[in-house]
Amino acid sequence: MIPVAREPKALSNTGIYENCCFCGVPSPFWYEKNDVCVCKSCAEEKDEKDVPTKEEWFKQEKKLIELK
């Protein structure tokens, strides 16, 4: 299980969220240690050791954008 925290209201007032680093679903939850988005479902199923670094997550997101 991965401990996650909800993004502060001041940052989430637009209703636009980052994509979970595992499943890609937009989520207001974050794994604060690596500063990456992790949805509640993935947080329950995955382990902390599997969370990518912020740099790895950015690279992953960039590849997804380029494929579109």
N, C-alpha and C. Protein backbone atom coordinates (compact mmCIF):
# COMPACT_ATOMS: atom_id res chain seq x y z
N MET A 1 0.85 -1.19 0.00
CA MET A 1 0.00 0.00 0.00
C MET A 1 0.89 1.25 0.00
N ILE A 2 0.44 2.25 -0.73
CA ILE A 2 1.18 3.50 -0.85
C ILE A 2 0.43 4.59 -0.09
N PRO A 3 1.08 5.27 0.84
CA PRO A 3 0.40 6.37 1.54
C PRO A 3 0.28 7.59 0.62
N VAL A 4 -0.94 8.07 0.44
CA VAL A 4 -1.17 9.23 -0.41
C VAL A 4 -1.87 10.34 0.38
N ALA A 5 -1.72 11.55 -0.10
CA ALA A 5 -2.37 12.71 0.51
C ALA A 5 -3.13 13.45 -0.57
N ARG A 6 -4.24 14.03 -0.19
CA ARG A 6 -5.03 14.80 -1.15
C ARG A 6 -4.33 16.13 -1.42
N GLU A 7 -4.33 16.52 -2.67
CA GLU A 7 -3.77 17.80 -3.09
C GLU A 7 -4.49 18.93 -2.34
N PRO A 8 -3.77 19.95 -1.91
CA PRO A 8 -4.41 21.06 -1.19
C PRO A 8 -5.51 21.71 -2.02
N LYS A 9 -6.58 22.10 -1.38
CA LYS A 9 -7.73 22.72 -2.07
C LYS A 9 -7.31 23.90 -2.93
N ALA A 10 -6.34 24.68 -2.45
CA ALA A 10 -5.89 25.85 -3.21
C ALA A 10 -5.33 25.46 -4.58
N LEU A 11 -4.79 24.26 -4.69
CA LEU A 11 -4.24 23.80 -5.97
C LEU A 11 -5.26 23.07 -6.82
N SER A 12 -6.31 22.56 -6.20
CA SER A 12 -7.27 21.74 -6.94
C SER A 12 -8.60 22.44 -7.19
N ASN A 13 -8.64 23.74 -7.05
CA ASN A 13 -9.92 24.44 -7.22
C ASN A 13 -10.40 24.47 -8.67
N THR A 14 -9.57 24.07 -9.63
CA THR A 14 -9.99 24.04 -11.04
C THR A 14 -10.68 22.74 -11.40
N GLY A 15 -10.47 21.70 -10.60
CA GLY A 15 -11.04 20.39 -10.92
C GLY A 15 -10.22 19.64 -11.96
N ILE A 16 -9.07 20.19 -12.34
CA ILE A 16 -8.18 19.55 -13.29
C ILE A 16 -7.05 18.90 -12.50
N TYR A 17 -6.88 17.59 -12.69
CA TYR A 17 -5.89 16.86 -11.92
C TYR A 17 -4.84 16.22 -12.81
N GLU A 18 -3.70 15.90 -12.22
CA GLU A 18 -2.64 15.17 -12.91
C GLU A 18 -3.07 13.72 -13.06
N ASN A 19 -2.39 12.99 -13.94
CA ASN A 19 -2.70 11.58 -14.16
C ASN A 19 -1.92 10.69 -13.20
N CYS A 20 -2.59 9.67 -12.70
CA CYS A 20 -1.95 8.68 -11.84
C CYS A 20 -0.75 8.09 -12.58
N CYS A 21 0.35 7.94 -11.89
CA CYS A 21 1.57 7.42 -12.52
C CYS A 21 1.46 5.95 -12.91
N PHE A 22 0.44 5.26 -12.42
CA PHE A 22 0.26 3.85 -12.75
C PHE A 22 -0.82 3.62 -13.81
N CYS A 23 -2.02 4.13 -13.57
CA CYS A 23 -3.14 3.83 -14.47
C CYS A 23 -3.52 4.97 -15.41
N GLY A 24 -3.02 6.17 -15.14
CA GLY A 24 -3.30 7.30 -16.02
C GLY A 24 -4.60 8.03 -15.75
N VAL A 25 -5.34 7.62 -14.75
CA VAL A 25 -6.60 8.28 -14.40
C VAL A 25 -6.30 9.57 -13.63
N PRO A 26 -6.93 10.69 -14.00
CA PRO A 26 -6.72 11.93 -13.24
C PRO A 26 -7.13 11.74 -11.78
N SER A 27 -6.29 12.27 -10.88
CA SER A 27 -6.54 12.08 -9.45
C SER A 27 -6.00 13.26 -8.64
N PRO A 28 -6.69 13.61 -7.55
CA PRO A 28 -6.20 14.66 -6.66
C PRO A 28 -5.26 14.13 -5.57
N PHE A 29 -4.88 12.85 -5.66
CA PHE A 29 -4.04 12.24 -4.63
C PHE A 29 -2.59 12.11 -5.08
N TRP A 30 -1.68 12.31 -4.12
CA TRP A 30 -0.26 12.33 -4.41
C TRP A 30 0.53 11.50 -3.41
N TYR A 31 1.60 10.89 -3.91
CA TYR A 31 2.60 10.25 -3.06
C TYR A 31 3.63 11.34 -2.83
N GLU A 32 3.59 11.93 -1.65
CA GLU A 32 4.37 13.14 -1.38
C GLU A 32 5.88 12.91 -1.43
N LYS A 33 6.35 11.73 -1.04
CA LYS A 33 7.79 11.47 -1.01
C LYS A 33 8.42 11.68 -2.40
N ASN A 34 7.76 11.20 -3.45
CA ASN A 34 8.27 11.34 -4.81
C ASN A 34 7.59 12.49 -5.57
N ASP A 35 6.58 13.08 -4.95
CA ASP A 35 5.83 14.19 -5.56
C ASP A 35 5.22 13.78 -6.90
N VAL A 36 4.55 12.62 -6.90
CA VAL A 36 3.87 12.14 -8.10
C VAL A 36 2.43 11.76 -7.77
N CYS A 37 1.59 11.84 -8.77
CA CYS A 37 0.18 11.51 -8.61
C CYS A 37 -0.01 10.00 -8.55
N VAL A 38 -0.77 9.55 -7.54
CA VAL A 38 -1.14 8.14 -7.39
C VAL A 38 -2.60 8.11 -6.95
N CYS A 39 -3.47 7.52 -7.75
CA CYS A 39 -4.89 7.46 -7.39
C CYS A 39 -5.09 6.52 -6.20
N LYS A 40 -6.24 6.64 -5.56
CA LYS A 40 -6.54 5.82 -4.38
C LYS A 40 -6.55 4.33 -4.71
N SER A 41 -7.10 3.96 -5.86
CA SER A 41 -7.16 2.54 -6.23
C SER A 41 -5.77 1.94 -6.38
N CYS A 42 -4.90 2.64 -7.11
CA CYS A 42 -3.54 2.14 -7.30
C CYS A 42 -2.75 2.16 -5.99
N ALA A 43 -3.02 3.16 -5.15
CA ALA A 43 -2.34 3.25 -3.86
C ALA A 43 -2.64 2.03 -3.00
N GLU A 44 -3.84 1.47 -3.13
CA GLU A 44 -4.22 0.30 -2.36
C GLU A 44 -3.60 -0.98 -2.91
N GLU A 45 -3.34 -1.00 -4.22
CA GLU A 45 -2.86 -2.22 -4.87
C GLU A 45 -1.34 -2.30 -5.03
N LYS A 46 -0.68 -1.16 -5.09
CA LYS A 46 0.76 -1.12 -5.40
C LYS A 46 1.60 -0.93 -4.14
N ASP A 47 2.92 -1.08 -4.31
CA ASP A 47 3.87 -0.88 -3.21
C ASP A 47 4.67 0.39 -3.44
N GLU A 48 5.12 0.99 -2.37
CA GLU A 48 5.91 2.22 -2.45
C GLU A 48 7.13 2.06 -3.35
N LYS A 49 7.74 0.90 -3.32
CA LYS A 49 8.95 0.67 -4.12
C LYS A 49 8.68 0.77 -5.62
N ASP A 50 7.42 0.67 -6.02
CA ASP A 50 7.05 0.72 -7.43
C ASP A 50 6.78 2.14 -7.95
N VAL A 51 6.70 3.10 -7.04
CA VAL A 51 6.38 4.48 -7.45
C VAL A 51 7.58 5.07 -8.19
N PRO A 52 7.35 5.61 -9.39
CA PRO A 52 8.46 6.21 -10.13
C PRO A 52 8.92 7.52 -9.50
N THR A 53 10.13 7.93 -9.84
CA THR A 53 10.58 9.25 -9.43
C THR A 53 9.81 10.28 -10.24
N LYS A 54 9.88 11.52 -9.82
CA LYS A 54 9.19 12.58 -10.55
C LYS A 54 9.72 12.66 -11.98
N GLU A 55 11.03 12.51 -12.16
CA GLU A 55 11.63 12.55 -13.49
C GLU A 55 11.12 11.40 -14.37
N GLU A 56 11.05 10.21 -13.80
CA GLU A 56 10.53 9.05 -14.55
C GLU A 56 9.07 9.28 -14.94
N TRP A 57 8.31 9.83 -14.02
CA TRP A 57 6.89 10.09 -14.28
C TRP A 57 6.73 11.11 -15.41
N PHE A 58 7.54 12.18 -15.39
CA PHE A 58 7.48 13.18 -16.46
C PHE A 58 7.81 12.55 -17.81
N LYS A 59 8.82 11.71 -17.85
CA LYS A 59 9.20 11.04 -19.10
C LYS A 59 8.05 10.17 -19.61
N GLN A 60 7.42 9.46 -18.69
CA GLN A 60 6.29 8.60 -19.03
C GLN A 60 5.14 9.43 -19.60
N GLU A 61 4.81 10.54 -18.96
CA GLU A 61 3.73 11.41 -19.43
C GLU A 61 4.06 12.01 -20.79
N LYS A 62 5.31 12.38 -20.98
CA LYS A 62 5.74 12.97 -22.27
C LYS A 62 5.55 11.96 -23.40
N LYS A 63 5.92 10.71 -23.15
CA LYS A 63 5.75 9.65 -24.17
C LYS A 63 4.28 9.49 -24.52
N LEU A 64 3.42 9.51 -23.52
CA LEU A 64 1.98 9.37 -23.77
C LEU A 64 1.44 10.53 -24.61
N ILE A 65 1.89 11.72 -24.34
CA ILE A 65 1.45 12.90 -25.10
C ILE A 65 1.92 12.78 -26.56
N GLU A 66 3.15 12.34 -26.74
CA GLU A 66 3.70 12.21 -28.09
C GLU A 66 2.97 11.15 -28.92
N LEU A 67 2.40 10.15 -28.26
CA LEU A 67 1.66 9.09 -28.96
C LEU A 67 0.28 9.56 -29.44
N LYS A 68 -0.22 10.62 -28.85
CA LYS A 68 -1.56 11.09 -29.22
C LYS A 68 -1.58 11.85 -30.49
